[in-house]
Structures are given as structure tokens and as C-alpha cells.
């Protein structure tokens, strides 16, 4: 199930973030985004536990995908695809015209996911 991210999801998000990236976002980064009016964020829950998340900013008619990750034990199960599909569906509904993202050239799994999704 995908729901809007909130402060109650912060601890599992941080666990996933720290396990996923060599330069992870800090607790401050996530709290700032959760409090930011332009930030639109989701978590993917399985049995009421956060196993993935997507964070981004809605600026005018653009969305800036800032961070997405899935818990290691759930990778390959399509959770990233579900999060991106949910994002695209929501953004179509609010008439967003463009989505921007950055990905490290060395992050092959993320690059493959984005390419698969048409980015």
C-alpha cells in the first residue's frame, strides 16, 4: 500500500536510506522535506511497515524527484515501479508537465529502473 509520507515513517525511512546510499540523507533532510509545502512524498508499506519511499518537490508545473529507495530485502519485487507509477498518476492529476531527476552514473540498478520507466 502506498500512502503519503509523514513523520511517523521517519525511522524506517532512515534505516532504508542509510543501508542504500554511501552518502545518505540525514534525519534533518527528511524532516525538512516532510515540513516543506512543495514536497510531495510517499512510502510503500507492507504489513504496516515501510519498505520503500519516494521524495520530491512540486515546483510550478515540474516535479523534482529527489530521493527514492527500497529496503534491500524487497528489491526486485516491483516496489520502485509501484512508487514511480503512483507518482506519475498523481502528477498527471495535478497537471505536472515535467519530471526531473538525477542519478549517479555508477548506480546501475537505479538507471535501469528509470530507463524501464521511460526516463
PDB file of N, CA and C in Angstrom:
ATOM      1  N   UNK A   1       0.837  -1.169   0.000  1.00  0.00           N
ATOM      2  CA  UNK A   1       0.000   0.000   0.000  1.00  0.00           C
ATOM      3  C   UNK A   1       0.890   1.243   0.000  1.00  0.00           C
ATOM      4  N   UNK A   2       0.531   2.222  -0.817  1.00  0.00           N
ATOM      5  CA  UNK A   2       1.268   3.475  -0.890  1.00  0.00           C
ATOM      6  C   UNK A   2       0.449   4.562  -0.213  1.00  0.00           C
ATOM      7  N   UNK A   3       1.118   5.270   0.716  1.00  0.00           N
ATOM      8  CA  UNK A   3       0.473   6.369   1.446  1.00  0.00           C
ATOM      9  C   UNK A   3       1.423   7.563   1.474  1.00  0.00           C
ATOM     10  N   UNK A   4       0.881   8.722   1.774  1.00  0.00           N
ATOM     11  CA  UNK A   4       1.718   9.912   1.923  1.00  0.00           C
ATOM     12  C   UNK A   4       2.688   9.713   3.084  1.00  0.00           C
ATOM     13  N   UNK A   5       3.924  10.113   2.867  1.00  0.00           N
ATOM     14  CA  UNK A   5       4.932  10.002   3.921  1.00  0.00           C
ATOM     15  C   UNK A   5       4.639  11.017   5.017  1.00  0.00           C
ATOM     16  N   UNK A   6       4.927  10.626   6.254  1.00  0.00           N
ATOM     17  CA  UNK A   6       4.739  11.525   7.394  1.00  0.00           C
ATOM     18  C   UNK A   6       5.873  11.292   8.400  1.00  0.00           C
ATOM     19  N   UNK A   7       5.882  12.108   9.419  1.00  0.00           N
ATOM     20  CA  UNK A   7       6.922  11.990  10.450  1.00  0.00           C
ATOM     21  C   UNK A   7       6.904  10.619  11.124  1.00  0.00           C
ATOM     22  N   UNK A   8       5.762   9.980  11.195  1.00  0.00           N
ATOM     23  CA  UNK A   8       5.690   8.660  11.823  1.00  0.00           C
ATOM     24  C   UNK A   8       6.461   7.599  11.028  1.00  0.00           C
ATOM     25  N   UNK A   9       6.764   7.874   9.772  1.00  0.00           N
ATOM     26  CA  UNK A   9       7.507   6.933   8.928  1.00  0.00           C
ATOM     27  C   UNK A   9       9.019   7.184   8.956  1.00  0.00           C
ATOM     28  N   UNK A  10       9.447   8.191   9.676  1.00  0.00           N
ATOM     29  CA  UNK A  10      10.833   8.649   9.608  1.00  0.00           C
ATOM     30  C   UNK A  10      11.871   7.584   9.974  1.00  0.00           C
ATOM     31  N   UNK A  11      11.670   6.865  11.056  1.00  0.00           N
ATOM     32  CA  UNK A  11      12.683   5.882  11.482  1.00  0.00           C
ATOM     33  C   UNK A  11      12.941   4.793  10.435  1.00  0.00           C
ATOM     34  N   UNK A  12      11.904   4.135   9.907  1.00  0.00           N
ATOM     35  CA  UNK A  12      12.195   3.130   8.880  1.00  0.00           C
ATOM     36  C   UNK A  12      12.759   3.735   7.599  1.00  0.00           C
ATOM     37  N   UNK A  13      12.358   4.954   7.264  1.00  0.00           N
ATOM     38  CA  UNK A  13      12.940   5.623   6.097  1.00  0.00           C
ATOM     39  C   UNK A  13      14.442   5.794   6.304  1.00  0.00           C
ATOM     40  N   UNK A  14      14.837   6.229   7.484  1.00  0.00           N
ATOM     41  CA  UNK A  14      16.264   6.431   7.777  1.00  0.00           C
ATOM     42  C   UNK A  14      17.049   5.118   7.711  1.00  0.00           C
ATOM     43  N   UNK A  15      16.456   4.042   8.179  1.00  0.00           N
ATOM     44  CA  UNK A  15      17.126   2.737   8.118  1.00  0.00           C
ATOM     45  C   UNK A  15      17.374   2.347   6.658  1.00  0.00           C
ATOM     46  N   UNK A  16      16.358   2.494   5.823  1.00  0.00           N
ATOM     47  CA  UNK A  16      16.495   2.165   4.397  1.00  0.00           C
ATOM     48  C   UNK A  16      17.516   3.081   3.738  1.00  0.00           C
ATOM     49  N   UNK A  17      17.430   4.364   4.024  1.00  0.00           N
ATOM     50  CA  UNK A  17      18.339   5.354   3.429  1.00  0.00           C
ATOM     51  C   UNK A  17      19.799   5.039   3.753  1.00  0.00           C
ATOM     52  N   UNK A  18      20.083   4.765   5.012  1.00  0.00           N
ATOM     53  CA  UNK A  18      21.466   4.505   5.436  1.00  0.00           C
ATOM     54  C   UNK A  18      22.014   3.217   4.836  1.00  0.00           C
ATOM     55  N   UNK A  19      21.137   2.249   4.615  1.00  0.00           N
ATOM     56  CA  UNK A  19      21.570   0.980   4.017  1.00  0.00           C
ATOM     57  C   UNK A  19      21.700   1.082   2.501  1.00  0.00           C
ATOM     58  N   UNK A  20      21.105   2.105   1.906  1.00  0.00           N
ATOM     59  CA  UNK A  20      21.036   2.193   0.452  1.00  0.00           C
ATOM     60  C   UNK A  20      22.102   3.086  -0.181  1.00  0.00           C
ATOM     61  N   UNK A  21      22.595   4.074   0.559  1.00  0.00           N
ATOM     62  CA  UNK A  21      23.457   5.085  -0.054  1.00  0.00           C
ATOM     63  C   UNK A  21      24.741   5.298   0.738  1.00  0.00           C
ATOM     64  N   UNK A  22      25.828   5.536   0.015  1.00  0.00           N
ATOM     65  CA  UNK A  22      27.108   5.827   0.677  1.00  0.00           C
ATOM     66  C   UNK A  22      27.110   7.230   1.272  1.00  0.00           C
ATOM     67  N   UNK A  23      26.298   8.130   0.718  1.00  0.00           N
ATOM     68  CA  UNK A  23      26.141   9.480   1.264  1.00  0.00           C
ATOM     69  C   UNK A  23      24.646   9.712   1.512  1.00  0.00           C
ATOM     70  N   UNK A  24      24.112   9.104   2.563  1.00  0.00           N
ATOM     71  CA  UNK A  24      22.666   9.174   2.798  1.00  0.00           C
ATOM     72  C   UNK A  24      22.202  10.552   3.242  1.00  0.00           C
ATOM     73  N   UNK A  25      20.937  10.814   2.956  1.00  0.00           N
ATOM     74  CA  UNK A  25      20.299  11.988   3.530  1.00  0.00           C
ATOM     75  C   UNK A  25      20.306  11.832   5.039  1.00  0.00           C
ATOM     76  N   UNK A  26      20.337  12.944   5.726  1.00  0.00           N
ATOM     77  CA  UNK A  26      20.282  12.931   7.188  1.00  0.00           C
ATOM     78  C   UNK A  26      18.831  13.031   7.656  1.00  0.00           C
ATOM     79  N   UNK A  27      18.645  12.816   8.926  1.00  0.00           N
ATOM     80  CA  UNK A  27      17.319  12.982   9.519  1.00  0.00           C
ATOM     81  C   UNK A  27      16.809  14.400   9.257  1.00  0.00           C
ATOM     82  N   UNK A  28      17.729  15.367   9.334  1.00  0.00           N
ATOM     83  CA  UNK A  28      17.366  16.763   9.077  1.00  0.00           C
ATOM     84  C   UNK A  28      16.795  16.927   7.667  1.00  0.00           C
ATOM     85  N   UNK A  29      17.421  16.296   6.661  1.00  0.00           N
ATOM     86  CA  UNK A  29      16.932  16.401   5.278  1.00  0.00           C
ATOM     87  C   UNK A  29      15.489  15.903   5.168  1.00  0.00           C
ATOM     88  N   UNK A  30      15.236  14.728   5.740  1.00  0.00           N
ATOM     89  CA  UNK A  30      13.888  14.166   5.650  1.00  0.00           C
ATOM     90  C   UNK A  30      12.872  15.012   6.416  1.00  0.00           C
ATOM     91  N   UNK A  31      13.240  15.460   7.613  1.00  0.00           N
ATOM     92  CA  UNK A  31      12.318  16.298   8.384  1.00  0.00           C
ATOM     93  C   UNK A  31      12.011  17.590   7.633  1.00  0.00           C
ATOM     94  N   UNK A  32      13.032  18.179   7.030  1.00  0.00           N
ATOM     95  CA  UNK A  32      12.835  19.404   6.260  1.00  0.00           C
ATOM     96  C   UNK A  32      11.868  19.171   5.111  1.00  0.00           C
ATOM     97  N   UNK A  33      12.039  18.053   4.406  1.00  0.00           N
ATOM     98  CA  UNK A  33      11.134  17.758   3.293  1.00  0.00           C
ATOM     99  C   UNK A  33       9.720  17.481   3.785  1.00  0.00           C
ATOM    100  N   UNK A  34       9.592  16.773   4.883  1.00  0.00           N
ATOM    101  CA  UNK A  34       8.258  16.487   5.413  1.00  0.00           C
ATOM    102  C   UNK A  34       7.535  17.760   5.843  1.00  0.00           C
ATOM    103  N   UNK A  35       8.281  18.795   6.192  1.00  0.00           N
ATOM    104  CA  UNK A  35       7.696  20.066   6.612  1.00  0.00           C
ATOM    105  C   UNK A  35       7.582  21.076   5.472  1.00  0.00           C
ATOM    106  N   UNK A  36       8.113  20.752   4.308  1.00  0.00           N
ATOM    107  CA  UNK A  36       8.171  21.671   3.177  1.00  0.00           C
ATOM    108  C   UNK A  36       6.862  21.606   2.385  1.00  0.00           C
ATOM    109  N   UNK A  37       6.232  22.741   2.154  1.00  0.00           N
ATOM    110  CA  UNK A  37       4.939  22.778   1.463  1.00  0.00           C
ATOM    111  C   UNK A  37       5.018  22.330   0.011  1.00  0.00           C
ATOM    112  N   UNK A  38       6.187  22.410  -0.612  1.00  0.00           N
ATOM    113  CA  UNK A  38       6.301  21.987  -2.013  1.00  0.00           C
ATOM    114  C   UNK A  38       6.688  20.514  -2.133  1.00  0.00           C
ATOM    115  N   UNK A  39       6.927  19.875  -1.024  1.00  0.00           N
ATOM    116  CA  UNK A  39       7.365  18.485  -1.023  1.00  0.00           C
ATOM    117  C   UNK A  39       6.165  17.547  -1.078  1.00  0.00           C
ATOM    118  N   UNK A  40       6.205  16.604  -2.023  1.00  0.00           N
ATOM    119  CA  UNK A  40       5.175  15.573  -2.145  1.00  0.00           C
ATOM    120  C   UNK A  40       5.898  14.236  -2.050  1.00  0.00           C
ATOM    121  N   UNK A  41       5.567  13.445  -1.032  1.00  0.00           N
ATOM    122  CA  UNK A  41       6.337  12.247  -0.698  1.00  0.00           C
ATOM    123  C   UNK A  41       5.416  11.075  -0.376  1.00  0.00           C
ATOM    124  N   UNK A  42       5.898   9.880  -0.686  1.00  0.00           N
ATOM    125  CA  UNK A  42       5.121   8.670  -0.411  1.00  0.00           C
ATOM    126  C   UNK A  42       6.001   7.594   0.201  1.00  0.00           C
ATOM    127  N   UNK A  43       5.351   6.685   0.907  1.00  0.00           N
ATOM    128  CA  UNK A  43       6.013   5.467   1.376  1.00  0.00           C
ATOM    129  C   UNK A  43       5.210   4.269   0.877  1.00  0.00           C
ATOM    130  N   UNK A  44       5.918   3.183   0.660  1.00  0.00           N
ATOM    131  CA  UNK A  44       5.293   1.907   0.311  1.00  0.00           C
ATOM    132  C   UNK A  44       5.337   1.067   1.573  1.00  0.00           C
ATOM    133  N   UNK A  45       4.163   0.617   2.025  1.00  0.00           N
ATOM    134  CA  UNK A  45       4.084  -0.180   3.237  1.00  0.00           C
ATOM    135  C   UNK A  45       3.668  -1.610   2.909  1.00  0.00           C
ATOM    136  N   UNK A  46       4.308  -2.516   3.570  1.00  0.00           N
ATOM    137  CA  UNK A  46       3.935  -3.924   3.508  1.00  0.00           C
ATOM    138  C   UNK A  46       3.699  -4.367   4.938  1.00  0.00           C
ATOM    139  N   UNK A  47       2.500  -4.843   5.221  1.00  0.00           N
ATOM    140  CA  UNK A  47       2.130  -5.226   6.591  1.00  0.00           C
ATOM    141  C   UNK A  47       2.412  -4.093   7.574  1.00  0.00           C
ATOM    142  N   UNK A  48       2.041  -2.870   7.184  1.00  0.00           N
ATOM    143  CA  UNK A  48       2.188  -1.665   8.008  1.00  0.00           C
ATOM    144  C   UNK A  48       3.640  -1.277   8.305  1.00  0.00           C
ATOM    145  N   UNK A  49       4.584  -1.830   7.550  1.00  0.00           N
ATOM    146  CA  UNK A  49       5.986  -1.459   7.740  1.00  0.00           C
ATOM    147  C   UNK A  49       6.499  -0.826   6.453  1.00  0.00           C
ATOM    148  N   UNK A  50       7.218   0.279   6.577  1.00  0.00           N
ATOM    149  CA  UNK A  50       7.754   0.983   5.412  1.00  0.00           C
ATOM    150  C   UNK A  50       8.881   0.163   4.792  1.00  0.00           C
ATOM    151  N   UNK A  51       8.730  -0.142   3.488  1.00  0.00           N
ATOM    152  CA  UNK A  51       9.775  -0.891   2.773  1.00  0.00           C
ATOM    153  C   UNK A  51      10.308  -0.102   1.579  1.00  0.00           C
ATOM    154  N   UNK A  52       9.766   1.079   1.330  1.00  0.00           N
ATOM    155  CA  UNK A  52      10.253   1.929   0.255  1.00  0.00           C
ATOM    156  C   UNK A  52       9.670   3.323   0.395  1.00  0.00           C
ATOM    157  N   UNK A  53      10.302   4.279  -0.293  1.00  0.00           N
ATOM    158  CA  UNK A  53       9.828   5.656  -0.233  1.00  0.00           C
ATOM    159  C   UNK A  53      10.257   6.420  -1.466  1.00  0.00           C
ATOM    160  N   UNK A  54       9.558   7.519  -1.710  1.00  0.00           N
ATOM    161  CA  UNK A  54       9.877   8.426  -2.808  1.00  0.00           C
ATOM    162  C   UNK A  54       9.616   9.840  -2.310  1.00  0.00           C
ATOM    163  N   UNK A  55      10.604  10.722  -2.462  1.00  0.00           N
ATOM    164  CA  UNK A  55      10.502  12.115  -2.023  1.00  0.00           C
ATOM    165  C   UNK A  55      10.784  13.041  -3.202  1.00  0.00           C
ATOM    166  N   UNK A  56      10.003  14.102  -3.300  1.00  0.00           N
ATOM    167  CA  UNK A  56      10.241  15.071  -4.368  1.00  0.00           C
ATOM    168  C   UNK A  56       9.523  16.377  -4.116  1.00  0.00           C
ATOM    169  N   UNK A  57       9.838  17.354  -4.983  1.00  0.00           N
ATOM    170  CA  UNK A  57       9.274  18.692  -4.863  1.00  0.00           C
ATOM    171  C   UNK A  57       8.421  19.029  -6.075  1.00  0.00           C
ATOM    172  N   UNK A  58       7.269  19.620  -5.823  1.00  0.00           N
ATOM    173  CA  UNK A  58       6.396  20.132  -6.871  1.00  0.00           C
ATOM    174  C   UNK A  58       6.651  21.632  -6.978  1.00  0.00           C
ATOM    175  N   UNK A  59       7.241  22.048  -8.103  1.00  0.00           N
ATOM    176  CA  UNK A  59       7.572  23.451  -8.338  1.00  0.00           C
ATOM    177  C   UNK A  59       6.906  23.873  -9.645  1.00  0.00           C
ATOM    178  N   UNK A  60       5.904  24.716  -9.532  1.00  0.00           N
ATOM    179  CA  UNK A  60       5.115  25.182 -10.677  1.00  0.00           C
ATOM    180  C   UNK A  60       4.544  23.978 -11.428  1.00  0.00           C
ATOM    181  N   UNK A  61       4.954  23.752 -12.675  1.00  0.00           N
ATOM    182  CA  UNK A  61       4.437  22.607 -13.423  1.00  0.00           C
ATOM    183  C   UNK A  61       5.487  21.504 -13.555  1.00  0.00           C
ATOM    184  N   UNK A  62       6.419  21.464 -12.590  1.00  0.00           N
ATOM    185  CA  UNK A  62       7.500  20.470 -12.592  1.00  0.00           C
ATOM    186  C   UNK A  62       7.490  19.689 -11.281  1.00  0.00           C
ATOM    187  N   UNK A  63       8.051  18.491 -11.353  1.00  0.00           N
ATOM    188  CA  UNK A  63       8.284  17.696 -10.146  1.00  0.00           C
ATOM    189  C   UNK A  63       9.752  17.283 -10.172  1.00  0.00           C
ATOM    190  N   UNK A  64      10.422  17.496  -9.072  1.00  0.00           N
ATOM    191  CA  UNK A  64      11.829  17.133  -8.940  1.00  0.00           C
ATOM    192  C   UNK A  64      11.915  15.922  -8.017  1.00  0.00           C
ATOM    193  N   UNK A  65      12.169  14.756  -8.610  1.00  0.00           N
ATOM    194  CA  UNK A  65      12.289  13.524  -7.830  1.00  0.00           C
ATOM    195  C   UNK A  65      13.651  13.580  -7.142  1.00  0.00           C
ATOM    196  N   UNK A  66      13.630  13.735  -5.829  1.00  0.00           N
ATOM    197  CA  UNK A  66      14.863  13.945  -5.067  1.00  0.00           C
ATOM    198  C   UNK A  66      15.444  12.682  -4.467  1.00  0.00           C
ATOM    199  N   UNK A  67      14.597  11.706  -4.139  1.00  0.00           N
ATOM    200  CA  UNK A  67      15.112  10.535  -3.436  1.00  0.00           C
ATOM    201  C   UNK A  67      14.099   9.390  -3.540  1.00  0.00           C
ATOM    202  N   UNK A  68      14.603   8.221  -3.863  1.00  0.00           N
ATOM    203  CA  UNK A  68      13.775   7.023  -3.893  1.00  0.00           C
ATOM    204  C   UNK A  68      14.659   5.858  -3.458  1.00  0.00           C
ATOM    205  N   UNK A  69      14.111   4.979  -2.633  1.00  0.00           N
ATOM    206  CA  UNK A  69      14.859   3.793  -2.208  1.00  0.00           C
ATOM    207  C   UNK A  69      13.883   2.718  -1.739  1.00  0.00           C
ATOM    208  N   UNK A  70      14.359   1.482  -1.826  1.00  0.00           N
ATOM    209  CA  UNK A  70      13.596   0.316  -1.385  1.00  0.00           C
ATOM    210  C   UNK A  70      14.501  -0.500  -0.474  1.00  0.00           C
ATOM    211  N   UNK A  71      13.941  -1.027   0.594  1.00  0.00           N
ATOM    212  CA  UNK A  71      14.710  -1.876   1.510  1.00  0.00           C
ATOM    213  C   UNK A  71      15.330  -3.026   0.740  1.00  0.00           C
ATOM    214  N   UNK A  72      16.546  -3.351   1.076  1.00  0.00           N
ATOM    215  CA  UNK A  72      17.323  -4.365   0.362  1.00  0.00           C
ATOM    216  C   UNK A  72      16.563  -5.677   0.194  1.00  0.00           C
ATOM    217  N   UNK A  73      15.911  -6.135   1.226  1.00  0.00           N
ATOM    218  CA  UNK A  73      15.227  -7.425   1.167  1.00  0.00           C
ATOM    219  C   UNK A  73      13.972  -7.401   0.298  1.00  0.00           C
ATOM    220  N   UNK A  74      13.550  -6.211  -0.158  1.00  0.00           N
ATOM    221  CA  UNK A  74      12.369  -6.092  -1.012  1.00  0.00           C
ATOM    222  C   UNK A  74      12.710  -5.632  -2.428  1.00  0.00           C
ATOM    223  N   UNK A  75      13.997  -5.443  -2.718  1.00  0.00           N
ATOM    224  CA  UNK A  75      14.393  -5.018  -4.062  1.00  0.00           C
ATOM    225  C   UNK A  75      14.099  -6.128  -5.069  1.00  0.00           C
ATOM    226  N   UNK A  76      13.716  -5.724  -6.253  1.00  0.00           N
ATOM    227  CA  UNK A  76      13.388  -6.678  -7.294  1.00  0.00           C
ATOM    228  C   UNK A  76      11.945  -7.140  -7.258  1.00  0.00           C
ATOM    229  N   UNK A  77      11.163  -6.621  -6.312  1.00  0.00           N
ATOM    230  CA  UNK A  77       9.761  -7.025  -6.168  1.00  0.00           C
ATOM    231  C   UNK A  77       8.803  -6.038  -6.830  1.00  0.00           C
ATOM    232  N   UNK A  78       9.337  -5.044  -7.523  1.00  0.00           N
ATOM    233  CA  UNK A  78       8.495  -4.083  -8.224  1.00  0.00           C
ATOM    234  C   UNK A  78       8.047  -2.898  -7.399  1.00  0.00           C
ATOM    235  N   UNK A  79       8.580  -2.746  -6.203  1.00  0.00           N
ATOM    236  CA  UNK A  79       8.151  -1.647  -5.328  1.00  0.00           C
ATOM    237  C   UNK A  79       8.553  -0.296  -5.903  1.00  0.00           C
ATOM    238  N   UNK A  80       9.765  -0.196  -6.441  1.00  0.00           N
ATOM    239  CA  UNK A  80      10.190   1.054  -7.083  1.00  0.00           C
ATOM    240  C   UNK A  80       9.279   1.422  -8.239  1.00  0.00           C
ATOM    241  N   UNK A  81       8.884   0.431  -9.024  1.00  0.00           N
ATOM    242  CA  UNK A  81       7.965   0.669 -10.138  1.00  0.00           C
ATOM    243  C   UNK A  81       6.617   1.157  -9.614  1.00  0.00           C
ATOM    244  N   UNK A  82       6.110   0.533  -8.572  1.00  0.00           N
ATOM    245  CA  UNK A  82       4.837   0.964  -7.989  1.00  0.00           C
ATOM    246  C   UNK A  82       4.914   2.402  -7.482  1.00  0.00           C
ATOM    247  N   UNK A  83       6.014   2.746  -6.828  1.00  0.00           N
ATOM    248  CA  UNK A  83       6.179   4.115  -6.335  1.00  0.00           C
ATOM    249  C   UNK A  83       6.213   5.108  -7.497  1.00  0.00           C
ATOM    250  N   UNK A  84       6.949   4.782  -8.549  1.00  0.00           N
ATOM    251  CA  UNK A  84       7.045   5.685  -9.698  1.00  0.00           C
ATOM    252  C   UNK A  84       5.707   5.782 -10.438  1.00  0.00           C
ATOM    253  N   UNK A  85       5.006   4.668 -10.579  1.00  0.00           N
ATOM    254  CA  UNK A  85       3.681   4.707 -11.220  1.00  0.00           C
ATOM    255  C   UNK A  85       2.710   5.551 -10.411  1.00  0.00           C
ATOM    256  N   UNK A  86       2.747   5.406  -9.091  1.00  0.00           N
ATOM    257  CA  UNK A  86       1.900   6.214  -8.221  1.00  0.00           C
ATOM    258  C   UNK A  86       2.229   7.694  -8.385  1.00  0.00           C
ATOM    259  N   UNK A  87       3.517   8.012  -8.405  1.00  0.00           N
ATOM    260  CA  UNK A  87       3.958   9.392  -8.591  1.00  0.00           C
ATOM    261  C   UNK A  87       3.428   9.941  -9.912  1.00  0.00           C
ATOM    262  N   UNK A  88       3.620   9.187 -11.004  1.00  0.00           N
ATOM    263  CA  UNK A  88       3.190   9.657 -12.324  1.00  0.00           C
ATOM    264  C   UNK A  88       1.675   9.870 -12.374  1.00  0.00           C
ATOM    265  N   UNK A  89       0.933   8.964 -11.801  1.00  0.00           N
ATOM    266  CA  UNK A  89      -0.524   9.082 -11.784  1.00  0.00           C
ATOM    267  C   UNK A  89      -0.962  10.340 -11.027  1.00  0.00           C
ATOM    268  N   UNK A  90      -0.388  10.550  -9.880  1.00  0.00           N
ATOM    269  CA  UNK A  90      -0.711  11.730  -9.082  1.00  0.00           C
ATOM    270  C   UNK A  90      -0.346  13.006  -9.846  1.00  0.00           C
ATOM    271  N   UNK A  91       0.841  13.024 -10.432  1.00  0.00           N
ATOM    272  CA  UNK A  91       1.316  14.224 -11.116  1.00  0.00           C
ATOM    273  C   UNK A  91       0.484  14.544 -12.356  1.00  0.00           C
ATOM    274  N   UNK A  92       0.016  13.516 -13.057  1.00  0.00           N
ATOM    275  CA  UNK A  92      -0.883  13.749 -14.187  1.00  0.00           C
ATOM    276  C   UNK A  92      -2.146  14.462 -13.706  1.00  0.00           C
ATOM    277  N   UNK A  93      -2.635  14.048 -12.549  1.00  0.00           N
ATOM    278  CA  UNK A  93      -3.854  14.629 -11.992  1.00  0.00           C
ATOM    279  C   UNK A  93      -3.723  16.087 -11.605  1.00  0.00           C
ATOM    280  N   UNK A  94      -2.517  16.526 -11.289  1.00  0.00           N
ATOM    281  CA  UNK A  94      -2.318  17.935 -10.931  1.00  0.00           C
ATOM    282  C   UNK A  94      -1.625  18.703 -12.056  1.00  0.00           C
ATOM    283  N   UNK A  95      -1.609  18.101 -13.241  1.00  0.00           N
ATOM    284  CA  UNK A  95      -1.136  18.758 -14.470  1.00  0.00           C
ATOM    285  C   UNK A  95       0.349  19.116 -14.467  1.00  0.00           C
ATOM    286  N   UNK A  96       1.175  18.281 -13.833  1.00  0.00           N
ATOM    287  CA  UNK A  96       2.615  18.476 -13.895  1.00  0.00           C
ATOM    288  C   UNK A  96       3.087  18.078 -15.292  1.00  0.00           C
ATOM    289  N   UNK A  97       3.930  18.904 -15.904  1.00  0.00           N
ATOM    290  CA  UNK A  97       4.372  18.672 -17.282  1.00  0.00           C
ATOM    291  C   UNK A  97       5.711  17.954 -17.387  1.00  0.00           C
ATOM    292  N   UNK A  98       6.584  18.127 -16.389  1.00  0.00           N
ATOM    293  CA  UNK A  98       7.927  17.564 -16.468  1.00  0.00           C
ATOM    294  C   UNK A  98       8.352  16.990 -15.128  1.00  0.00           C
ATOM    295  N   UNK A  99       9.122  15.900 -15.197  1.00  0.00           N
ATOM    296  CA  UNK A  99       9.729  15.309 -14.006  1.00  0.00           C
ATOM    297  C   UNK A  99      11.228  15.331 -14.215  1.00  0.00           C
ATOM    298  N   UNK A 100      11.947  15.823 -13.227  1.00  0.00           N
ATOM    299  CA  UNK A 100      13.405  15.879 -13.283  1.00  0.00           C
ATOM    300  C   UNK A 100      13.986  14.999 -12.192  1.00  0.00           C
ATOM    301  N   UNK A 101      15.104  14.350 -12.505  1.00  0.00           N
ATOM    302  CA  UNK A 101      15.799  13.547 -11.511  1.00  0.00           C
ATOM    303  C   UNK A 101      17.271  13.499 -11.850  1.00  0.00           C
ATOM    304  N   UNK A 102      18.068  13.181 -10.857  1.00  0.00           N
ATOM    305  CA  UNK A 102      19.496  12.959 -11.042  1.00  0.00           C
ATOM    306  C   UNK A 102      19.803  11.575 -10.518  1.00  0.00           C
ATOM    307  N   UNK A 103      20.743  10.919 -11.174  1.00  0.00           N
ATOM    308  CA  UNK A 103      21.171   9.599 -10.719  1.00  0.00           C
ATOM    309  C   UNK A 103      22.664   9.470 -10.986  1.00  0.00           C
ATOM    310  N   UNK A 104      23.352   8.861 -10.057  1.00  0.00           N
ATOM    311  CA  UNK A 104      24.776   8.627 -10.219  1.00  0.00           C
ATOM    312  C   UNK A 104      25.011   7.676 -11.392  1.00  0.00           C
ATOM    313  N   UNK A 105      26.006   7.963 -12.192  1.00  0.00           N
ATOM    314  CA  UNK A 105      26.310   7.084 -13.331  1.00  0.00           C
ATOM    315  C   UNK A 105      26.670   5.680 -12.864  1.00  0.00           C
ATOM    316  N   UNK A 106      27.139   5.554 -11.632  1.00  0.00           N
ATOM    317  CA  UNK A 106      27.516   4.255 -11.098  1.00  0.00           C
ATOM    318  C   UNK A 106      26.357   3.478 -10.473  1.00  0.00           C
ATOM    319  N   UNK A 107      25.185   4.084 -10.397  1.00  0.00           N
ATOM    320  CA  UNK A 107      24.032   3.428  -9.776  1.00  0.00           C
ATOM    321  C   UNK A 107      23.223   2.711 -10.860  1.00  0.00           C
ATOM    322  N   UNK A 108      23.753   1.588 -11.289  1.00  0.00           N
ATOM    323  CA  UNK A 108      23.151   0.844 -12.392  1.00  0.00           C
ATOM    324  C   UNK A 108      21.721   0.389 -12.116  1.00  0.00           C
ATOM    325  N   UNK A 109      21.397  -0.140 -10.917  1.00  0.00           N
ATOM    326  CA  UNK A 109      20.008  -0.535 -10.674  1.00  0.00           C
ATOM    327  C   UNK A 109      19.022   0.628 -10.836  1.00  0.00           C
ATOM    328  N   UNK A 110      19.388   1.799 -10.321  1.00  0.00           N
ATOM    329  CA  UNK A 110      18.502   2.960 -10.441  1.00  0.00           C
ATOM    330  C   UNK A 110      18.390   3.392 -11.898  1.00  0.00           C
ATOM    331  N   UNK A 111      19.499   3.412 -12.606  1.00  0.00           N
ATOM    332  CA  UNK A 111      19.462   3.802 -14.018  1.00  0.00           C
ATOM    333  C   UNK A 111      18.578   2.861 -14.822  1.00  0.00           C
ATOM    334  N   UNK A 112      18.691   1.562 -14.556  1.00  0.00           N
ATOM    335  CA  UNK A 112      17.842   0.585 -15.263  1.00  0.00           C
ATOM    336  C   UNK A 112      16.363   0.806 -14.950  1.00  0.00           C
ATOM    337  N   UNK A 113      16.063   1.082 -13.684  1.00  0.00           N
ATOM    338  CA  UNK A 113      14.678   1.348 -13.289  1.00  0.00           C
ATOM    339  C   UNK A 113      14.150   2.569 -14.016  1.00  0.00           C
ATOM    340  N   UNK A 114      14.902   3.658 -14.014  1.00  0.00           N
ATOM    341  CA  UNK A 114      14.449   4.886 -14.659  1.00  0.00           C
ATOM    342  C   UNK A 114      14.276   4.681 -16.158  1.00  0.00           C
ATOM    343  N   UNK A 115      15.207   3.984 -16.779  1.00  0.00           N
ATOM    344  CA  UNK A 115      15.106   3.706 -18.218  1.00  0.00           C
ATOM    345  C   UNK A 115      13.876   2.840 -18.512  1.00  0.00           C
ATOM    346  N   UNK A 116      13.642   1.840 -17.682  1.00  0.00           N
ATOM    347  CA  UNK A 116      12.465   0.981 -17.843  1.00  0.00           C
ATOM    348  C   UNK A 116      11.169   1.775 -17.760  1.00  0.00           C
ATOM    349  N   UNK A 117      11.186   2.822 -16.930  1.00  0.00           N
ATOM    350  CA  UNK A 117      10.006   3.642 -16.729  1.00  0.00           C
ATOM    351  C   UNK A 117       9.918   4.798 -17.738  1.00  0.00           C
ATOM    352  N   UNK A 118      10.871   4.879 -18.663  1.00  0.00           N
ATOM    353  CA  UNK A 118      10.811   5.872 -19.719  1.00  0.00           C
ATOM    354  C   UNK A 118      11.498   7.191 -19.427  1.00  0.00           C
ATOM    355  N   UNK A 119      12.297   7.248 -18.386  1.00  0.00           N
ATOM    356  CA  UNK A 119      13.032   8.482 -18.078  1.00  0.00           C
ATOM    357  C   UNK A 119      14.333   8.516 -18.857  1.00  0.00           C
TER     358      UNK A 119
END
